[in-house]
């Protein structure tokens, strides 16, 4: 069984991956097909919606890498069978 740290590392890898195939693989491994992501600035539903969010963040902050202790904020998540079902983010400070 995966640890929550391993799931979190996969989640961050999805946000950091710039290669299309790699990013889609991380998204599929990390999120359920009907997963939702919501924070004060954006919302995405399903793998396509999540990918669009990630691509948008990468375009806005080129070269930025997410780490477990990078952005000041908190994500509250629901996990089922080792994949995220919901993620609600609270950002205290934006990168850049």
Foldseek 3Di string as FASTA:
>chain_A
DDDVVVLVVLVQCLLADPDPVSNLVSLPQAADQQAWEEEPPDIAGGSVRVNVVSVVVCVVPPPDGDDPPDFPWDWDFDDDPSHTRYIYIYGPDDDD
